[in-house]
Structure formats: C-alpha cells, structure tokens
Amino acid sequence: MGVLEREIARYESMRAELEKNHNGEWVLIHQEEMVGTYNSFEDAGRAAVRRFGRGPYLIRKVGAPPLTLPASVQFRYINAND
C-alpha cells in the first residue's frame, strides 16, 4: 500500500467521527495522523505546505462524497520509500 492509500485509509477509519464533529470542514492528514481541521481548502493547504513542504499529505472535505475517476484515467503515485 502506497503513502496516499494509507492516508486515505486513515481518513476512512475516522470518517464517522469526523462527519459527526467536523462536517463541511477540511481535514489534513499526514503520516496517518490527523493534523487538524480547517474552514477552507486554502487554509488547510497553507498549513500543510508550511509544516510539511511538498508532501505527501491528504486534504479532504469532511462529508464530501468520494471521488470516482473514469476507468480511462490512470493515477500513479511513485514514492521511493514504498
């Protein structure tokens, strides 16, 4: 499992609690830890870059439906540490 997949899995494990307490906010997850919630994507992005540089990290809107990409779209995440 790659880094991004682990971040997503961590979000999913916290989803019910996040939706109960932070619905509509933006959550920042880095190294499988929830860093914080923010009022906007921009705020979460600034915090992420300030603390972790280029990443990887996950920023997701709590309560938003999951994205489903068409089968024709391929995503490849390369990490030398995987």
PDB file of N, CA and C in Angstrom:
ATOM      1  N   MET A   1       0.852  -1.177   0.000  1.00  0.00           N
ATOM      2  CA  MET A   1       0.000   0.000   0.000  1.00  0.00           C
ATOM      3  C   MET A   1       0.892   1.231   0.000  1.00  0.00           C
ATOM      4  N   GLY A   2       0.602   2.156  -0.892  1.00  0.00           N
ATOM      5  CA  GLY A   2       1.391   3.374  -1.000  1.00  0.00           C
ATOM      6  C   GLY A   2       1.012   4.405   0.056  1.00  0.00           C
ATOM      7  N   VAL A   3       1.785   5.460   0.100  1.00  0.00           N
ATOM      8  CA  VAL A   3       1.586   6.505   1.104  1.00  0.00           C
ATOM      9  C   VAL A   3       0.185   7.106   1.012  1.00  0.00           C
ATOM     10  N   LEU A   4      -0.228   7.499  -0.175  1.00  0.00           N
ATOM     11  CA  LEU A   4      -1.529   8.134  -0.330  1.00  0.00           C
ATOM     12  C   LEU A   4      -2.654   7.175   0.058  1.00  0.00           C
ATOM     13  N   GLU A   5      -2.509   5.910  -0.311  1.00  0.00           N
ATOM     14  CA  GLU A   5      -3.535   4.933   0.059  1.00  0.00           C
ATOM     15  C   GLU A   5      -3.650   4.784   1.582  1.00  0.00           C
ATOM     16  N   ARG A   6      -2.532   4.855   2.281  1.00  0.00           N
ATOM     17  CA  ARG A   6      -2.563   4.783   3.751  1.00  0.00           C
ATOM     18  C   ARG A   6      -3.236   6.013   4.352  1.00  0.00           C
ATOM     19  N   GLU A   7      -2.982   7.187   3.765  1.00  0.00           N
ATOM     20  CA  GLU A   7      -3.630   8.407   4.250  1.00  0.00           C
ATOM     21  C   GLU A   7      -5.152   8.325   4.049  1.00  0.00           C
ATOM     22  N   ILE A   8      -5.559   7.815   2.905  1.00  0.00           N
ATOM     23  CA  ILE A   8      -6.984   7.658   2.624  1.00  0.00           C
ATOM     24  C   ILE A   8      -7.600   6.631   3.571  1.00  0.00           C
ATOM     25  N   ALA A   9      -6.919   5.535   3.807  1.00  0.00           N
ATOM     26  CA  ALA A   9      -7.416   4.515   4.735  1.00  0.00           C
ATOM     27  C   ALA A   9      -7.585   5.099   6.133  1.00  0.00           C
ATOM     28  N   ARG A  10      -6.655   5.938   6.557  1.00  0.00           N
ATOM     29  CA  ARG A  10      -6.756   6.581   7.871  1.00  0.00           C
ATOM     30  C   ARG A  10      -7.978   7.489   7.919  1.00  0.00           C
ATOM     31  N   TYR A  11      -8.191   8.276   6.863  1.00  0.00           N
ATOM     32  CA  TYR A  11      -9.385   9.124   6.791  1.00  0.00           C
ATOM     33  C   TYR A  11     -10.645   8.268   6.911  1.00  0.00           C
ATOM     34  N   GLU A  12     -10.696   7.193   6.153  1.00  0.00           N
ATOM     35  CA  GLU A  12     -11.877   6.328   6.172  1.00  0.00           C
ATOM     36  C   GLU A  12     -12.117   5.750   7.563  1.00  0.00           C
ATOM     37  N   SER A  13     -11.057   5.426   8.289  1.00  0.00           N
ATOM     38  CA  SER A  13     -11.214   4.876   9.639  1.00  0.00           C
ATOM     39  C   SER A  13     -11.763   5.908  10.621  1.00  0.00           C
ATOM     40  N   MET A  14     -11.624   7.188  10.290  1.00  0.00           N
ATOM     41  CA  MET A  14     -12.081   8.275  11.150  1.00  0.00           C
ATOM     42  C   MET A  14     -13.344   8.944  10.619  1.00  0.00           C
ATOM     43  N   ARG A  15     -13.822   8.495   9.486  1.00  0.00           N
ATOM     44  CA  ARG A  15     -14.895   9.184   8.765  1.00  0.00           C
ATOM     45  C   ARG A  15     -16.121   9.468   9.647  1.00  0.00           C
ATOM     46  N   ALA A  16     -16.642   8.471  10.355  1.00  0.00           N
ATOM     47  CA  ALA A  16     -17.869   8.662  11.134  1.00  0.00           C
ATOM     48  C   ALA A  16     -17.691   9.759  12.188  1.00  0.00           C
ATOM     49  N   GLU A  17     -16.583   9.719  12.897  1.00  0.00           N
ATOM     50  CA  GLU A  17     -16.330  10.732  13.929  1.00  0.00           C
ATOM     51  C   GLU A  17     -16.131  12.113  13.309  1.00  0.00           C
ATOM     52  N   LEU A  18     -15.396  12.170  12.197  1.00  0.00           N
ATOM     53  CA  LEU A  18     -15.186  13.455  11.527  1.00  0.00           C
ATOM     54  C   LEU A  18     -16.501  14.040  11.036  1.00  0.00           C
ATOM     55  N   GLU A  19     -17.355  13.194  10.440  1.00  0.00           N
ATOM     56  CA  GLU A  19     -18.627  13.692   9.926  1.00  0.00           C
ATOM     57  C   GLU A  19     -19.533  14.155  11.067  1.00  0.00           C
ATOM     58  N   LYS A  20     -19.430  13.526  12.210  1.00  0.00           N
ATOM     59  CA  LYS A  20     -20.237  13.929  13.362  1.00  0.00           C
ATOM     60  C   LYS A  20     -19.778  15.274  13.925  1.00  0.00           C
ATOM     61  N   ASN A  21     -18.459  15.476  14.009  1.00  0.00           N
ATOM     62  CA  ASN A  21     -17.908  16.647  14.697  1.00  0.00           C
ATOM     63  C   ASN A  21     -17.365  17.749  13.791  1.00  0.00           C
ATOM     64  N   HIS A  22     -17.080  17.440  12.524  1.00  0.00           N
ATOM     65  CA  HIS A  22     -16.409  18.418  11.656  1.00  0.00           C
ATOM     66  C   HIS A  22     -16.986  18.450  10.242  1.00  0.00           C
ATOM     67  N   ASN A  23     -18.245  18.089  10.088  1.00  0.00           N
ATOM     68  CA  ASN A  23     -18.829  18.025   8.750  1.00  0.00           C
ATOM     69  C   ASN A  23     -18.710  19.373   8.039  1.00  0.00           C
ATOM     70  N   GLY A  24     -18.266  19.334   6.788  1.00  0.00           N
ATOM     71  CA  GLY A  24     -18.110  20.548   5.988  1.00  0.00           C
ATOM     72  C   GLY A  24     -16.753  21.218   6.133  1.00  0.00           C
ATOM     73  N   GLU A  25     -15.958  20.808   7.104  1.00  0.00           N
ATOM     74  CA  GLU A  25     -14.607  21.355   7.273  1.00  0.00           C
ATOM     75  C   GLU A  25     -13.624  20.541   6.423  1.00  0.00           C
ATOM     76  N   TRP A  26     -12.423  21.030   6.340  1.00  0.00           N
ATOM     77  CA  TRP A  26     -11.356  20.364   5.593  1.00  0.00           C
ATOM     78  C   TRP A  26     -10.375  19.744   6.580  1.00  0.00           C
ATOM     79  N   VAL A  27     -10.052  18.470   6.383  1.00  0.00           N
ATOM     80  CA  VAL A  27      -9.145  17.760   7.288  1.00  0.00           C
ATOM     81  C   VAL A  27      -7.794  17.569   6.592  1.00  0.00           C
ATOM     82  N   LEU A  28      -6.734  17.695   7.364  1.00  0.00           N
ATOM     83  CA  LEU A  28      -5.367  17.481   6.890  1.00  0.00           C
ATOM     84  C   LEU A  28      -4.817  16.253   7.599  1.00  0.00           C
ATOM     85  N   ILE A  29      -4.368  15.273   6.810  1.00  0.00           N
ATOM     86  CA  ILE A  29      -3.788  14.047   7.356  1.00  0.00           C
ATOM     87  C   ILE A  29      -2.391  13.889   6.777  1.00  0.00           C
ATOM     88  N   HIS A  30      -1.431  13.643   7.670  1.00  0.00           N
ATOM     89  CA  HIS A  30      -0.039  13.456   7.269  1.00  0.00           C
ATOM     90  C   HIS A  30       0.542  12.312   8.088  1.00  0.00           C
ATOM     91  N   GLN A  31       1.188  11.375   7.417  1.00  0.00           N
ATOM     92  CA  GLN A  31       1.777  10.196   8.055  1.00  0.00           C
ATOM     93  C   GLN A  31       0.758   9.483   8.944  1.00  0.00           C
ATOM     94  N   GLU A  32      -0.453   9.340   8.399  1.00  0.00           N
ATOM     95  CA  GLU A  32      -1.558   8.625   9.042  1.00  0.00           C
ATOM     96  C   GLU A  32      -2.026   9.265  10.354  1.00  0.00           C
ATOM     97  N   GLU A  33      -1.702  10.537  10.549  1.00  0.00           N
ATOM     98  CA  GLU A  33      -2.145  11.290  11.724  1.00  0.00           C
ATOM     99  C   GLU A  33      -2.998  12.471  11.264  1.00  0.00           C
ATOM    100  N   MET A  34      -4.103  12.704  11.953  1.00  0.00           N
ATOM    101  CA  MET A  34      -4.900  13.888  11.659  1.00  0.00           C
ATOM    102  C   MET A  34      -4.181  15.094  12.263  1.00  0.00           C
ATOM    103  N   VAL A  35      -3.794  16.021  11.409  1.00  0.00           N
ATOM    104  CA  VAL A  35      -3.077  17.216  11.843  1.00  0.00           C
ATOM    105  C   VAL A  35      -4.065  18.250  12.369  1.00  0.00           C
ATOM    106  N   GLY A  36      -5.197  18.397  11.679  1.00  0.00           N
ATOM    107  CA  GLY A  36      -6.183  19.377  12.107  1.00  0.00           C
ATOM    108  C   GLY A  36      -7.307  19.502  11.107  1.00  0.00           C
ATOM    109  N   THR A  37      -8.303  20.312  11.471  1.00  0.00           N
ATOM    110  CA  THR A  37      -9.387  20.645  10.559  1.00  0.00           C
ATOM    111  C   THR A  37      -9.363  22.149  10.322  1.00  0.00           C
ATOM    112  N   TYR A  38      -9.845  22.549   9.150  1.00  0.00           N
ATOM    113  CA  TYR A  38      -9.743  23.936   8.704  1.00  0.00           C
ATOM    114  C   TYR A  38     -11.050  24.353   8.044  1.00  0.00           C
ATOM    115  N   ASN A  39     -11.297  25.640   8.014  1.00  0.00           N
ATOM    116  CA  ASN A  39     -12.524  26.162   7.424  1.00  0.00           C
ATOM    117  C   ASN A  39     -12.515  26.175   5.903  1.00  0.00           C
ATOM    118  N   SER A  40     -11.337  26.130   5.298  1.00  0.00           N
ATOM    119  CA  SER A  40     -11.261  26.165   3.836  1.00  0.00           C
ATOM    120  C   SER A  40     -10.106  25.294   3.349  1.00  0.00           C
ATOM    121  N   PHE A  41     -10.196  24.921   2.081  1.00  0.00           N
ATOM    122  CA  PHE A  41      -9.114  24.167   1.453  1.00  0.00           C
ATOM    123  C   PHE A  41      -7.826  24.992   1.476  1.00  0.00           C
ATOM    124  N   GLU A  42      -7.963  26.283   1.228  1.00  0.00           N
ATOM    125  CA  GLU A  42      -6.796  27.152   1.209  1.00  0.00           C
ATOM    126  C   GLU A  42      -6.087  27.173   2.560  1.00  0.00           C
ATOM    127  N   ASP A  43      -6.856  27.251   3.641  1.00  0.00           N
ATOM    128  CA  ASP A  43      -6.255  27.237   4.974  1.00  0.00           C
ATOM    129  C   ASP A  43      -5.536  25.915   5.235  1.00  0.00           C
ATOM    130  N   ALA A  44      -6.174  24.818   4.861  1.00  0.00           N
ATOM    131  CA  ALA A  44      -5.553  23.500   5.048  1.00  0.00           C
ATOM    132  C   ALA A  44      -4.289  23.377   4.199  1.00  0.00           C
ATOM    133  N   GLY A  45      -4.350  23.872   2.976  1.00  0.00           N
ATOM    134  CA  GLY A  45      -3.191  23.816   2.093  1.00  0.00           C
ATOM    135  C   GLY A  45      -2.020  24.635   2.610  1.00  0.00           C
ATOM    136  N   ARG A  46      -2.315  25.823   3.088  1.00  0.00           N
ATOM    137  CA  ARG A  46      -1.235  26.657   3.645  1.00  0.00           C
ATOM    138  C   ARG A  46      -0.593  25.986   4.861  1.00  0.00           C
ATOM    139  N   ALA A  47      -1.415  25.417   5.724  1.00  0.00           N
ATOM    140  CA  ALA A  47      -0.884  24.728   6.906  1.00  0.00           C
ATOM    141  C   ALA A  47      -0.031  23.532   6.498  1.00  0.00           C
ATOM    142  N   ALA A  48      -0.483  22.788   5.502  1.00  0.00           N
ATOM    143  CA  ALA A  48       0.253  21.608   5.038  1.00  0.00           C
ATOM    144  C   ALA A  48       1.613  21.990   4.471  1.00  0.00           C
ATOM    145  N   VAL A  49       1.642  22.980   3.608  1.00  0.00           N
ATOM    146  CA  VAL A  49       2.905  23.399   2.986  1.00  0.00           C
ATOM    147  C   VAL A  49       3.849  23.996   4.029  1.00  0.00           C
ATOM    148  N   ARG A  50       3.310  24.787   4.934  1.00  0.00           N
ATOM    149  CA  ARG A  50       4.135  25.384   5.979  1.00  0.00           C
ATOM    150  C   ARG A  50       4.778  24.306   6.858  1.00  0.00           C
ATOM    151  N   ARG A  51       4.017  23.283   7.202  1.00  0.00           N
ATOM    152  CA  ARG A  51       4.525  22.258   8.121  1.00  0.00           C
ATOM    153  C   ARG A  51       5.300  21.137   7.436  1.00  0.00           C
ATOM    154  N   PHE A  52       4.888  20.757   6.206  1.00  0.00           N
ATOM    155  CA  PHE A  52       5.438  19.542   5.597  1.00  0.00           C
ATOM    156  C   PHE A  52       6.041  19.744   4.215  1.00  0.00           C
ATOM    157  N   GLY A  53       6.063  20.953   3.710  1.00  0.00           N
ATOM    158  CA  GLY A  53       6.605  21.165   2.374  1.00  0.00           C
ATOM    159  C   GLY A  53       5.696  20.571   1.312  1.00  0.00           C
ATOM    160  N   ARG A  54       6.288  19.888   0.384  1.00  0.00           N
ATOM    161  CA  ARG A  54       5.550  19.389  -0.781  1.00  0.00           C
ATOM    162  C   ARG A  54       4.705  18.163  -0.493  1.00  0.00           C
ATOM    163  N   GLY A  55       4.882  17.524   0.614  1.00  0.00           N
ATOM    164  CA  GLY A  55       4.026  16.376   0.934  1.00  0.00           C
ATOM    165  C   GLY A  55       4.764  15.068   0.838  1.00  0.00           C
ATOM    166  N   PRO A  56       4.067  13.996   0.832  1.00  0.00           N
ATOM    167  CA  PRO A  56       2.636  13.844   0.579  1.00  0.00           C
ATOM    168  C   PRO A  56       1.807  14.019   1.845  1.00  0.00           C
ATOM    169  N   TYR A  57       0.567  14.433   1.642  1.00  0.00           N
ATOM    170  CA  TYR A  57      -0.427  14.539   2.696  1.00  0.00           C
ATOM    171  C   TYR A  57      -1.784  14.522   2.020  1.00  0.00           C
ATOM    172  N   LEU A  58      -2.803  14.315   2.818  1.00  0.00           N
ATOM    173  CA  LEU A  58      -4.163  14.264   2.290  1.00  0.00           C
ATOM    174  C   LEU A  58      -4.955  15.434   2.843  1.00  0.00           C
ATOM    175  N   ILE A  59      -5.627  16.157   1.959  1.00  0.00           N
ATOM    176  CA  ILE A  59      -6.566  17.203   2.352  1.00  0.00           C
ATOM    177  C   ILE A  59      -7.904  16.806   1.745  1.00  0.00           C
ATOM    178  N   ARG A  60      -8.901  16.669   2.612  1.00  0.00           N
ATOM    179  CA  ARG A  60     -10.207  16.224   2.118  1.00  0.00           C
ATOM    180  C   ARG A  60     -11.316  16.958   2.858  1.00  0.00           C
ATOM    181  N   LYS A  61     -12.384  17.274   2.123  1.00  0.00           N
ATOM    182  CA  LYS A  61     -13.547  17.915   2.744  1.00  0.00           C
ATOM    183  C   LYS A  61     -14.380  16.839   3.444  1.00  0.00           C
ATOM    184  N   VAL A  62     -14.589  17.034   4.720  1.00  0.00           N
ATOM    185  CA  VAL A  62     -15.352  16.077   5.521  1.00  0.00           C
ATOM    186  C   VAL A  62     -16.809  16.096   5.061  1.00  0.00           C
ATOM    187  N   GLY A  63     -17.328  14.913   4.767  1.00  0.00           N
ATOM    188  CA  GLY A  63     -18.713  14.779   4.341  1.00  0.00           C
ATOM    189  C   GLY A  63     -18.915  14.806   2.836  1.00  0.00           C
ATOM    190  N   ALA A  64     -17.882  15.143   2.086  1.00  0.00           N
ATOM    191  CA  ALA A  64     -17.996  15.156   0.626  1.00  0.00           C
ATOM    192  C   ALA A  64     -18.033  13.724   0.114  1.00  0.00           C
ATOM    193  N   PRO A  65     -18.806  13.473  -0.945  1.00  0.00           N
ATOM    194  CA  PRO A  65     -18.820  12.111  -1.492  1.00  0.00           C
ATOM    195  C   PRO A  65     -17.450  11.763  -2.065  1.00  0.00           C
ATOM    196  N   PRO A  66     -17.075  10.487  -2.018  1.00  0.00           N
ATOM    197  CA  PRO A  66     -15.783  10.101  -2.578  1.00  0.00           C
ATOM    198  C   PRO A  66     -15.736  10.353  -4.082  1.00  0.00           C
ATOM    199  N   LEU A  67     -14.561  10.702  -4.556  1.00  0.00           N
ATOM    200  CA  LEU A  67     -14.369  10.920  -5.992  1.00  0.00           C
ATOM    201  C   LEU A  67     -14.233   9.581  -6.696  1.00  0.00           C
ATOM    202  N   THR A  68     -14.859   9.475  -7.850  1.00  0.00           N
ATOM    203  CA  THR A  68     -14.713   8.289  -8.675  1.00  0.00           C
ATOM    204  C   THR A  68     -14.221   8.746 -10.034  1.00  0.00           C
ATOM    205  N   LEU A  69     -13.014   8.335 -10.366  1.00  0.00           N
ATOM    206  CA  LEU A  69     -12.429   8.712 -11.653  1.00  0.00           C
ATOM    207  C   LEU A  69     -12.823   7.700 -12.718  1.00  0.00           C
ATOM    208  N   PRO A  70     -12.998   8.145 -13.945  1.00  0.00           N
ATOM    209  CA  PRO A  70     -13.292   7.214 -15.027  1.00  0.00           C
ATOM    210  C   PRO A  70     -12.158   6.196 -15.187  1.00  0.00           C
ATOM    211  N   ALA A  71     -12.499   5.013 -15.656  1.00  0.00           N
ATOM    212  CA  ALA A  71     -11.506   3.955 -15.833  1.00  0.00           C
ATOM    213  C   ALA A  71     -10.388   4.381 -16.778  1.00  0.00           C
ATOM    214  N   SER A  72     -10.673   5.322 -17.665  1.00  0.00           N
ATOM    215  CA  SER A  72      -9.654   5.761 -18.624  1.00  0.00           C
ATOM    216  C   SER A  72      -8.596   6.653 -17.993  1.00  0.00           C
ATOM    217  N   VAL A  73      -8.856   7.134 -16.783  1.00  0.00           N
ATOM    218  CA  VAL A  73      -7.891   7.993 -16.098  1.00  0.00           C
ATOM    219  C   VAL A  73      -7.006   7.120 -15.218  1.00  0.00           C
ATOM    220  N   GLN A  74      -5.718   7.174 -15.452  1.00  0.00           N
ATOM    221  CA  GLN A  74      -4.788   6.395 -14.650  1.00  0.00           C
ATOM    222  C   GLN A  74      -4.047   7.323 -13.721  1.00  0.00           C
ATOM    223  N   PHE A  75      -3.900   6.904 -12.482  1.00  0.00           N
ATOM    224  CA  PHE A  75      -3.161   7.683 -11.494  1.00  0.00           C
ATOM    225  C   PHE A  75      -2.043   6.808 -10.978  1.00  0.00           C
ATOM    226  N   ARG A  76      -0.851   7.332 -10.978  1.00  0.00           N
ATOM    227  CA  ARG A  76       0.284   6.578 -10.468  1.00  0.00           C
ATOM    228  C   ARG A  76       1.025   7.457  -9.495  1.00  0.00           C
ATOM    229  N   TYR A  77       1.159   6.958  -8.293  1.00  0.00           N
ATOM    230  CA  TYR A  77       1.898   7.680  -7.267  1.00  0.00           C
ATOM    231  C   TYR A  77       3.197   6.938  -7.050  1.00  0.00           C
ATOM    232  N   ILE A  78       4.314   7.613  -7.234  1.00  0.00           N
ATOM    233  CA  ILE A  78       5.620   6.983  -7.082  1.00  0.00           C
ATOM    234  C   ILE A  78       6.287   7.543  -5.832  1.00  0.00           C
ATOM    235  N   ASN A  79       6.709   6.641  -4.970  1.00  0.00           N
ATOM    236  CA  ASN A  79       7.414   7.046  -3.747  1.00  0.00           C
ATOM    237  C   ASN A  79       8.566   6.091  -3.549  1.00  0.00           C
ATOM    238  N   ALA A  80       9.747   6.609  -3.501  1.00  0.00           N
ATOM    239  CA  ALA A  80      10.950   5.772  -3.348  1.00  0.00           C
ATOM    240  C   ALA A  80      10.955   5.016  -2.039  1.00  0.00           C
ATOM    241  N   ASN A  81      10.172   5.442  -1.052  1.00  0.00           N
ATOM    242  CA  ASN A  81      10.166   4.784   0.249  1.00  0.00           C
ATOM    243  C   ASN A  81       9.179   3.634   0.327  1.00  0.00           C
ATOM    244  N   ASP A  82       8.352   3.423  -0.678  1.00  0.00           N
ATOM    245  CA  ASP A  82       7.387   2.312  -0.649  1.00  0.00           C
ATOM    246  C   ASP A  82       8.052   0.993  -0.951  1.00  0.00           C
TER     247      ASP A  82
END
